[in-house]
Amino acid sequence: ADAMVAALRKGETLQALAVARGLAATDVPGVQRGMPVPDEAASEAYFETPAPAAGKVSPGKVMLGDGRLAVFTVSKVTPGDAKAAPPQQREALQQQLAQMSGTSDALGLVKALRKGLKITVAEERL
């Protein structure tokens, strides 16, 4: 996999490398963040890969959940447009962000309280 990524950085194509090794190369355009294609680890790796320069690709590799190794290239990054999302999706995202913020605030408060308080565990009440 490392050799394939190095070859991709030198300008070879994923299709040519796959054919030479008897592997399958699949083009998966339009992957959105969080889509499990082919699994969540791969999706995370795609979005951690730097955006490619114009006319170039950004190669990467990832260990899939089933133990297989996938080599991939990112050929294009399309920035998200919140205005293009349906109102229901925007509302759901706002709720998720508010919930995450609230959870973070609550954890911070608990951490601060624990620092300032002495806690005694009554083992007999457990």
Protein backbone atom coordinates (compact mmCIF):
# COMPACT_ATOMS: atom_id res chain seq x y z
CA ALA A 1 0.00 0.00 0.00
CA ASP A 2 2.84 2.39 0.82
CA ALA A 3 4.42 1.69 -2.57
CA MET A 4 1.11 2.39 -4.30
CA VAL A 5 0.66 5.69 -2.45
CA ALA A 6 4.23 6.68 -3.38
CA ALA A 7 3.56 5.82 -7.04
CA LEU A 8 0.35 7.86 -6.97
CA ARG A 9 2.29 10.83 -5.61
CA LYS A 10 4.66 10.49 -8.58
CA GLY A 11 1.74 10.78 -11.00
CA GLU A 12 0.71 7.21 -11.76
CA THR A 13 -3.02 6.56 -11.87
CA LEU A 14 -4.90 4.41 -9.39
CA GLN A 15 -6.54 2.52 -12.26
CA ALA A 16 -3.15 1.61 -13.81
CA LEU A 17 -1.70 0.53 -10.46
CA ALA A 18 -4.76 -1.60 -9.70
CA VAL A 19 -4.69 -3.33 -13.09
CA ALA A 20 -0.95 -4.05 -12.75
CA ARG A 21 -1.59 -5.74 -9.40
CA GLY A 22 -4.79 -7.54 -10.36
CA LEU A 23 -6.88 -5.37 -8.06
CA ALA A 24 -10.18 -3.60 -8.59
CA ALA A 25 -10.36 0.20 -8.72
CA THR A 26 -13.73 1.82 -8.16
CA ASP A 27 -14.61 5.46 -8.76
CA VAL A 28 -16.92 6.79 -6.04
CA PRO A 29 -17.78 10.41 -6.86
CA GLY A 30 -19.72 12.69 -4.55
CA VAL A 31 -18.88 11.06 -1.22
CA GLN A 32 -20.28 13.16 1.60
CA ARG A 33 -18.83 13.39 5.08
CA GLY A 34 -20.05 10.52 7.25
CA MET A 35 -21.09 8.25 4.37
CA PRO A 36 -19.85 4.72 5.18
CA VAL A 37 -18.24 4.11 1.77
CA PRO A 38 -17.04 1.35 2.10
CA ASP A 39 -16.97 1.92 5.87
CA GLU A 40 -16.70 4.73 8.43
CA ALA A 41 -12.90 4.49 8.73
CA ALA A 42 -12.55 5.04 4.99
CA SER A 43 -14.92 8.00 5.04
CA GLU A 44 -12.89 9.61 7.84
CA ALA A 45 -9.65 9.01 5.92
CA TYR A 46 -11.05 10.63 2.76
CA PHE A 47 -11.91 13.80 4.65
CA GLU A 48 -8.58 13.91 6.51
CA THR A 49 -6.72 13.84 3.20
CA PRO A 50 -5.64 17.31 2.01
CA ALA A 51 -7.55 18.80 -0.91
CA PRO A 52 -5.66 18.20 -4.15
CA ALA A 53 -4.09 20.96 -6.22
CA ALA A 54 -5.77 21.73 -9.54
CA GLY A 55 -5.31 18.83 -11.95
CA LYS A 56 -3.72 16.62 -9.27
CA VAL A 57 -4.94 13.95 -6.84
CA SER A 58 -4.25 13.46 -3.14
CA PRO A 59 -3.52 9.78 -2.40
CA GLY A 60 -4.08 7.98 0.87
CA LYS A 61 -4.59 4.59 2.44
CA VAL A 62 -6.81 3.25 5.21
CA MET A 63 -7.30 0.01 7.11
CA LEU A 64 -10.92 -1.04 6.75
CA GLY A 65 -12.96 -2.51 9.57
CA ASP A 66 -12.72 -6.01 8.10
CA GLY A 67 -8.90 -5.89 8.01
CA ARG A 68 -8.51 -5.07 4.32
CA LEU A 69 -6.33 -2.15 3.24
CA ALA A 70 -7.72 0.40 0.80
CA VAL A 71 -5.65 2.80 -1.28
CA PHE A 72 -7.56 5.81 -2.57
CA THR A 73 -7.17 9.16 -4.27
CA VAL A 74 -9.14 12.33 -3.70
CA SER A 75 -9.51 14.10 -7.04
CA LYS A 76 -11.87 16.92 -6.10
CA VAL A 77 -13.18 18.63 -2.97
CA THR A 78 -16.45 20.53 -3.11
CA PRO A 79 -17.02 22.88 -0.18
CA GLY A 80 -20.38 22.49 1.51
CA ASP A 81 -23.08 25.10 1.04
CA ALA A 82 -25.41 25.40 4.02
CA LYS A 83 -27.92 27.37 1.93
CA ALA A 84 -28.28 24.46 -0.49
CA ALA A 85 -29.27 22.03 2.28
CA PRO A 86 -32.99 21.41 2.79
CA PRO A 87 -34.51 23.23 5.80
CA GLN A 88 -35.07 19.94 7.66
CA GLN A 89 -31.40 19.01 7.32
CA ARG A 90 -30.24 22.46 8.47
CA GLU A 91 -32.56 22.26 11.49
CA ALA A 92 -31.29 18.78 12.36
CA LEU A 93 -27.68 19.99 12.15
CA GLN A 94 -28.46 23.01 14.33
CA GLN A 95 -30.02 20.71 16.93
CA GLN A 96 -27.01 18.39 16.83
CA LEU A 97 -24.60 21.30 17.26
CA ALA A 98 -26.65 22.74 20.13
CA GLN A 99 -26.73 19.32 21.80
CA MET A 100 -22.97 18.90 21.38
CA SER A 101 -22.35 22.36 22.81
CA GLY A 102 -24.62 21.66 25.77
CA THR A 103 -22.90 18.35 26.46
CA SER A 104 -19.50 20.01 26.31
CA ASP A 105 -20.63 22.74 28.71
CA ALA A 106 -22.09 20.18 31.13
CA LEU A 107 -18.90 18.11 31.11
CA GLY A 108 -16.84 21.24 31.75
CA LEU A 109 -19.06 22.16 34.70
CA VAL A 110 -18.82 18.66 36.18
CA LYS A 111 -15.03 18.71 35.78
CA ALA A 112 -14.78 22.11 37.50
CA LEU A 113 -17.08 21.00 40.32
CA ARG A 114 -15.10 17.82 40.87
CA LYS A 115 -11.89 19.85 41.17
CA GLY A 116 -13.37 22.05 43.88
CA LEU A 117 -15.23 19.44 45.90
CA LYS A 118 -14.16 16.53 48.03
CA ILE A 119 -16.18 13.47 47.14
CA THR A 120 -16.63 10.63 49.60
CA VAL A 121 -18.01 7.37 48.24
CA ALA A 122 -20.32 5.52 50.62
CA GLU A 123 -19.46 1.96 49.61
CA GLU A 124 -22.30 0.53 51.71
CA ARG A 125 -24.84 2.39 49.56
CA LEU A 126 -23.62 1.02 46.24
